[in-house]
Amino acid sequence: MKIPNILTLLRIVLIPVFVLVYYLPYAWGPMAAALVFALAAVTDWFDGYLARRLDQTSPFGAFLDPVADKLMVATALVLLVDTYSVFWITAPAIVIIGREIVISALREWMAELGKRANIAVSYIGKLKTALQMLSIFIMLAFVPYTLFSWIGIGALYIASVLTLWSMYVYLKAAWPDLTDDI
């Protein structure tokens, strides 16, 4: 088993731990859950770095890494939607989760056409992911509607805009193939 794949599997194993810690009936529960989320976010960056650096890329890792990332982010957003229980937190969560579903389907379809490279991860996508992780961490770590949580909410909205922008970029790149037979 390659080190990057172990880190990716660790991220998946951390999901139930993250949820359990989040719901602990202690004041330190949300901060501890935020730290578990931060650990998962760091492994997301680190497994990709190690895969390239150690030349340990694999089809298994290429498949599982984005799945682990999306599972962790979607889980965290669902917890935040439950905690905040307001439309204006639910809306960006839906945008982020919906975009991930659309782009995952698009990548799968483009791969079937042999054109997956046409929609490779872009700088905007990486920036979106980093801001998403930061916003989720902040919103998890701090009590809702305090100064820091508002900073997290602002970052979530910026991440949502980047989410839509990156989706537009990917769809634009794939548009000729999507509309080839309309």
C-alpha atoms as a PDB file:
ATOM      1  CA  MET A   1       0.000   0.000   0.000  1.00  0.00           C
ATOM      2  CA  LYS A   2       1.407   3.364  -1.047  1.00  0.00           C
ATOM      3  CA  ILE A   3       1.702   6.211   1.465  1.00  0.00           C
ATOM      4  CA  PRO A   4      -0.581   8.615  -0.459  1.00  0.00           C
ATOM      5  CA  ASN A   5      -3.300   5.954  -0.597  1.00  0.00           C
ATOM      6  CA  ILE A   6      -2.973   5.351   3.141  1.00  0.00           C
ATOM      7  CA  LEU A   7      -3.493   9.082   3.736  1.00  0.00           C
ATOM      8  CA  THR A   8      -6.550   9.071   1.470  1.00  0.00           C
ATOM      9  CA  LEU A   9      -8.015   6.087   3.332  1.00  0.00           C
ATOM     10  CA  LEU A  10      -7.258   7.849   6.617  1.00  0.00           C
ATOM     11  CA  ARG A  11      -9.339  10.797   5.397  1.00  0.00           C
ATOM     12  CA  ILE A  12     -12.297   8.477   4.818  1.00  0.00           C
ATOM     13  CA  VAL A  13     -11.847   6.829   8.226  1.00  0.00           C
ATOM     14  CA  LEU A  14     -11.809  10.292   9.816  1.00  0.00           C
ATOM     15  CA  ILE A  15     -15.338  11.071   8.539  1.00  0.00           C
ATOM     16  CA  PRO A  16     -17.248   9.095  11.217  1.00  0.00           C
ATOM     17  CA  VAL A  17     -14.750  10.279  13.837  1.00  0.00           C
ATOM     18  CA  PHE A  18     -15.397  13.865  12.712  1.00  0.00           C
ATOM     19  CA  VAL A  19     -19.175  13.429  12.993  1.00  0.00           C
ATOM     20  CA  LEU A  20     -18.994  11.746  16.405  1.00  0.00           C
ATOM     21  CA  VAL A  21     -16.680  14.414  17.806  1.00  0.00           C
ATOM     22  CA  TYR A  22     -18.890  17.170  16.372  1.00  0.00           C
ATOM     23  CA  TYR A  23     -21.894  15.872  18.290  1.00  0.00           C
ATOM     24  CA  LEU A  24     -20.106  15.328  21.599  1.00  0.00           C
ATOM     25  CA  PRO A  25     -21.991  17.154  24.351  1.00  0.00           C
ATOM     26  CA  TYR A  26     -18.981  19.191  25.418  1.00  0.00           C
ATOM     27  CA  ALA A  27     -18.073  22.805  24.755  1.00  0.00           C
ATOM     28  CA  TRP A  28     -14.805  21.679  23.144  1.00  0.00           C
ATOM     29  CA  GLY A  29     -16.603  19.341  20.695  1.00  0.00           C
ATOM     30  CA  PRO A  30     -16.904  21.764  17.771  1.00  0.00           C
ATOM     31  CA  MET A  31     -13.265  22.877  18.049  1.00  0.00           C
ATOM     32  CA  ALA A  32     -12.114  19.255  18.226  1.00  0.00           C
ATOM     33  CA  ALA A  33     -14.255  18.442  15.173  1.00  0.00           C
ATOM     34  CA  ALA A  34     -12.728  21.428  13.361  1.00  0.00           C
ATOM     35  CA  LEU A  35      -9.264  20.051  14.155  1.00  0.00           C
ATOM     36  CA  VAL A  36     -10.234  16.623  12.789  1.00  0.00           C
ATOM     37  CA  PHE A  37     -11.519  18.385   9.657  1.00  0.00           C
ATOM     38  CA  ALA A  38      -8.255  20.355   9.421  1.00  0.00           C
ATOM     39  CA  LEU A  39      -6.262  17.121   9.687  1.00  0.00           C
ATOM     40  CA  ALA A  40      -8.319  15.667   6.852  1.00  0.00           C
ATOM     41  CA  ALA A  41      -7.781  18.817   4.771  1.00  0.00           C
ATOM     42  CA  VAL A  42      -4.028  18.618   5.322  1.00  0.00           C
ATOM     43  CA  THR A  43      -3.965  14.953   4.276  1.00  0.00           C
ATOM     44  CA  ASP A  44      -5.839  15.983   1.105  1.00  0.00           C
ATOM     45  CA  TRP A  45      -2.994  18.289   0.154  1.00  0.00           C
ATOM     46  CA  PHE A  46      -0.245  16.027   1.481  1.00  0.00           C
ATOM     47  CA  ASP A  47      -1.325  12.817  -0.270  1.00  0.00           C
ATOM     48  CA  GLY A  48      -1.267  14.532  -3.661  1.00  0.00           C
ATOM     49  CA  TYR A  49       2.098  16.104  -2.935  1.00  0.00           C
ATOM     50  CA  LEU A  50       3.591  12.770  -1.843  1.00  0.00           C
ATOM     51  CA  ALA A  51       2.101  10.900  -4.787  1.00  0.00           C
ATOM     52  CA  ARG A  52       3.882  13.254  -7.180  1.00  0.00           C
ATOM     53  CA  ARG A  53       7.068  13.653  -5.141  1.00  0.00           C
ATOM     54  CA  LEU A  54       7.553   9.926  -4.472  1.00  0.00           C
ATOM     55  CA  ASP A  55       6.208   8.896  -7.875  1.00  0.00           C
ATOM     56  CA  GLN A  56       3.485   6.888  -6.131  1.00  0.00           C
ATOM     57  CA  THR A  57       0.492   7.819  -8.230  1.00  0.00           C
ATOM     58  CA  SER A  58      -1.972   5.013  -8.834  1.00  0.00           C
ATOM     59  CA  PRO A  59      -5.376   4.474 -10.440  1.00  0.00           C
ATOM     60  CA  PHE A  60      -6.746   3.661  -6.968  1.00  0.00           C
ATOM     61  CA  GLY A  61      -5.469   6.965  -5.591  1.00  0.00           C
ATOM     62  CA  ALA A  62      -6.668   8.919  -8.615  1.00  0.00           C
ATOM     63  CA  PHE A  63     -10.151   7.494  -8.032  1.00  0.00           C
ATOM     64  CA  LEU A  64     -10.315   7.624  -4.244  1.00  0.00           C
ATOM     65  CA  ASP A  65      -8.665  10.993  -3.521  1.00  0.00           C
ATOM     66  CA  PRO A  66     -11.427  13.180  -4.994  1.00  0.00           C
ATOM     67  CA  VAL A  67     -14.083  10.891  -3.512  1.00  0.00           C
ATOM     68  CA  ALA A  68     -12.601  11.247  -0.015  1.00  0.00           C
ATOM     69  CA  ASP A  69     -12.404  15.022  -0.422  1.00  0.00           C
ATOM     70  CA  LYS A  70     -16.012  15.329  -1.564  1.00  0.00           C
ATOM     71  CA  LEU A  71     -17.287  13.028   1.199  1.00  0.00           C
ATOM     72  CA  MET A  72     -15.538  15.043   3.909  1.00  0.00           C
ATOM     73  CA  VAL A  73     -16.670  18.416   2.536  1.00  0.00           C
ATOM     74  CA  ALA A  74     -20.255  17.274   1.980  1.00  0.00           C
ATOM     75  CA  THR A  75     -20.412  15.801   5.487  1.00  0.00           C
ATOM     76  CA  ALA A  76     -19.085  19.024   7.020  1.00  0.00           C
ATOM     77  CA  LEU A  77     -21.531  21.162   5.033  1.00  0.00           C
ATOM     78  CA  VAL A  78     -24.472  18.997   6.113  1.00  0.00           C
ATOM     79  CA  LEU A  79     -23.404  19.412   9.753  1.00  0.00           C
ATOM     80  CA  LEU A  80     -23.131  23.178   9.299  1.00  0.00           C
ATOM     81  CA  VAL A  81     -26.535  23.377   7.632  1.00  0.00           C
ATOM     82  CA  ASP A  82     -27.971  21.482  10.605  1.00  0.00           C
ATOM     83  CA  THR A  83     -26.219  23.760  13.101  1.00  0.00           C
ATOM     84  CA  TYR A  84     -27.061  27.088  11.467  1.00  0.00           C
ATOM     85  CA  SER A  85     -30.539  26.055  10.224  1.00  0.00           C
ATOM     86  CA  VAL A  86     -30.957  29.068   7.930  1.00  0.00           C
ATOM     87  CA  PHE A  87     -31.459  29.377   4.195  1.00  0.00           C
ATOM     88  CA  TRP A  88     -28.417  31.556   3.647  1.00  0.00           C
ATOM     89  CA  ILE A  89     -26.126  28.786   4.903  1.00  0.00           C
ATOM     90  CA  THR A  90     -28.092  26.072   3.137  1.00  0.00           C
ATOM     91  CA  ALA A  91     -27.898  27.860  -0.238  1.00  0.00           C
ATOM     92  CA  PRO A  92     -24.082  27.942  -0.558  1.00  0.00           C
ATOM     93  CA  ALA A  93     -23.907  24.368   0.758  1.00  0.00           C
ATOM     94  CA  ILE A  94     -26.267  23.270  -2.022  1.00  0.00           C
ATOM     95  CA  VAL A  95     -24.217  25.192  -4.590  1.00  0.00           C
ATOM     96  CA  ILE A  96     -20.982  23.530  -3.440  1.00  0.00           C
ATOM     97  CA  ILE A  97     -22.386  19.999  -3.195  1.00  0.00           C
ATOM     98  CA  GLY A  98     -24.354  20.385  -6.445  1.00  0.00           C
ATOM     99  CA  ARG A  99     -21.282  21.599  -8.326  1.00  0.00           C
ATOM    100  CA  GLU A 100     -19.294  18.605  -7.111  1.00  0.00           C
ATOM    101  CA  ILE A 101     -21.959  16.236  -8.434  1.00  0.00           C
ATOM    102  CA  VAL A 102     -22.126  18.024 -11.803  1.00  0.00           C
ATOM    103  CA  ILE A 103     -18.352  18.182 -12.274  1.00  0.00           C
ATOM    104  CA  SER A 104     -17.860  14.566 -11.158  1.00  0.00           C
ATOM    105  CA  ALA A 105     -20.415  13.447 -13.739  1.00  0.00           C
ATOM    106  CA  LEU A 106     -18.822  15.698 -16.358  1.00  0.00           C
ATOM    107  CA  ARG A 107     -15.350  14.283 -15.675  1.00  0.00           C
ATOM    108  CA  GLU A 108     -16.667  10.727 -15.883  1.00  0.00           C
ATOM    109  CA  TRP A 109     -18.415  11.450 -19.175  1.00  0.00           C
ATOM    110  CA  MET A 110     -15.377  13.250 -20.646  1.00  0.00           C
ATOM    111  CA  ALA A 111     -13.181  10.312 -19.593  1.00  0.00           C
ATOM    112  CA  GLU A 112     -15.463   7.999 -21.580  1.00  0.00           C
ATOM    113  CA  LEU A 113     -14.813  10.216 -24.595  1.00  0.00           C
ATOM    114  CA  GLY A 114     -11.077  10.089 -23.906  1.00  0.00           C
ATOM    115  CA  LYS A 115     -11.053  13.833 -23.238  1.00  0.00           C
ATOM    116  CA  ARG A 116     -10.684  14.006 -19.466  1.00  0.00           C
ATOM    117  CA  ALA A 117      -7.608  16.227 -19.865  1.00  0.00           C
ATOM    118  CA  ASN A 118      -9.890  18.909 -21.353  1.00  0.00           C
ATOM    119  CA  ILE A 119     -11.321  19.467 -17.881  1.00  0.00           C
ATOM    120  CA  ALA A 120      -8.280  18.970 -15.674  1.00  0.00           C
ATOM    121  CA  VAL A 121      -8.201  20.646 -12.263  1.00  0.00           C
ATOM    122  CA  SER A 122      -7.539  24.358 -12.675  1.00  0.00           C
ATOM    123  CA  TYR A 123      -6.010  27.014 -10.438  1.00  0.00           C
ATOM    124  CA  ILE A 124      -9.525  28.342  -9.751  1.00  0.00           C
ATOM    125  CA  GLY A 125     -10.549  24.863  -8.597  1.00  0.00           C
ATOM    126  CA  LYS A 126      -7.583  24.662  -6.235  1.00  0.00           C
ATOM    127  CA  LEU A 127      -8.287  28.138  -4.851  1.00  0.00           C
ATOM    128  CA  LYS A 128     -11.959  27.233  -4.433  1.00  0.00           C
ATOM    129  CA  THR A 129     -11.021  24.105  -2.497  1.00  0.00           C
ATOM    130  CA  ALA A 130      -8.602  25.949  -0.208  1.00  0.00           C
ATOM    131  CA  LEU A 131     -11.143  28.672   0.592  1.00  0.00           C
ATOM    132  CA  GLN A 132     -13.879  26.083   1.077  1.00  0.00           C
ATOM    133  CA  MET A 133     -11.728  24.171   3.576  1.00  0.00           C
ATOM    134  CA  LEU A 134     -10.805  27.360   5.426  1.00  0.00           C
ATOM    135  CA  SER A 135     -14.417  28.563   5.626  1.00  0.00           C
ATOM    136  CA  ILE A 136     -15.658  25.197   6.856  1.00  0.00           C
ATOM    137  CA  PHE A 137     -12.888  24.999   9.457  1.00  0.00           C
ATOM    138  CA  ILE A 138     -13.742  28.467  10.800  1.00  0.00           C
ATOM    139  CA  MET A 139     -17.481  27.778  10.864  1.00  0.00           C
ATOM    140  CA  LEU A 140     -16.914  24.478  12.660  1.00  0.00           C
ATOM    141  CA  ALA A 141     -14.473  25.905  15.196  1.00  0.00           C
ATOM    142  CA  PHE A 142     -16.382  28.971  16.347  1.00  0.00           C
ATOM    143  CA  VAL A 143     -19.788  29.504  17.873  1.00  0.00           C
ATOM    144  CA  PRO A 144     -22.359  30.487  15.225  1.00  0.00           C
ATOM    145  CA  TYR A 145     -22.925  34.208  14.714  1.00  0.00           C
ATOM    146  CA  THR A 146     -19.765  35.341  16.486  1.00  0.00           C
ATOM    147  CA  LEU A 147     -17.162  37.489  14.744  1.00  0.00           C
ATOM    148  CA  PHE A 148     -15.044  34.558  13.574  1.00  0.00           C
ATOM    149  CA  SER A 149     -18.025  32.562  12.372  1.00  0.00           C
ATOM    150  CA  TRP A 150     -19.080  35.571  10.266  1.00  0.00           C
ATOM    151  CA  ILE A 151     -15.610  35.550   8.713  1.00  0.00           C
ATOM    152  CA  GLY A 152     -16.160  31.860   7.928  1.00  0.00           C
ATOM    153  CA  ILE A 153     -19.571  32.618   6.429  1.00  0.00           C
ATOM    154  CA  GLY A 154     -18.052  35.342   4.261  1.00  0.00           C
ATOM    155  CA  ALA A 155     -15.348  32.922   3.114  1.00  0.00           C
ATOM    156  CA  LEU A 156     -18.063  30.328   2.380  1.00  0.00           C
ATOM    157  CA  TYR A 157     -19.817  32.799   0.096  1.00  0.00           C
ATOM    158  CA  ILE A 158     -16.583  33.644  -1.705  1.00  0.00           C
ATOM    159  CA  ALA A 159     -15.924  29.907  -2.062  1.00  0.00           C
ATOM    160  CA  SER A 160     -19.443  29.527  -3.499  1.00  0.00           C
ATOM    161  CA  VAL A 161     -18.742  32.193  -6.121  1.00  0.00           C
ATOM    162  CA  LEU A 162     -15.472  30.450  -7.012  1.00  0.00           C
ATOM    163  CA  THR A 163     -17.411  27.185  -7.106  1.00  0.00           C
ATOM    164  CA  LEU A 164     -19.799  28.580  -9.718  1.00  0.00           C
ATOM    165  CA  TRP A 165     -16.954  30.186 -11.640  1.00  0.00           C
ATOM    166  CA  SER A 166     -14.927  26.972 -11.774  1.00  0.00           C
ATOM    167  CA  MET A 167     -18.023  25.041 -12.843  1.00  0.00           C
ATOM    168  CA  TYR A 168     -18.537  27.555 -15.654  1.00  0.00           C
ATOM    169  CA  VAL A 169     -14.896  27.119 -16.752  1.00  0.00           C
ATOM    170  CA  TYR A 170     -15.217  23.316 -16.808  1.00  0.00           C
ATOM    171  CA  LEU A 171     -18.568  23.378 -18.611  1.00  0.00           C
ATOM    172  CA  LYS A 172     -17.256  25.884 -21.149  1.00  0.00           C
ATOM    173  CA  ALA A 173     -14.294  23.612 -21.891  1.00  0.00           C
ATOM    174  CA  ALA A 174     -16.616  20.633 -22.360  1.00  0.00           C
ATOM    175  CA  TRP A 175     -19.392  22.547 -24.156  1.00  0.00           C
ATOM    176  CA  PRO A 176     -18.351  21.613 -27.726  1.00  0.00           C
ATOM    177  CA  ASP A 177     -18.526  17.928 -26.784  1.00  0.00           C
ATOM    178  CA  LEU A 178     -21.740  18.357 -24.791  1.00  0.00           C
ATOM    179  CA  THR A 179     -23.537  20.080 -27.673  1.00  0.00           C
ATOM    180  CA  ASP A 180     -22.022  18.118 -30.534  1.00  0.00           C
ATOM    181  CA  ASP A 181     -25.242  16.263 -31.322  1.00  0.00           C
ATOM    182  CA  ILE A 182     -28.034  18.621 -30.256  1.00  0.00           C
END
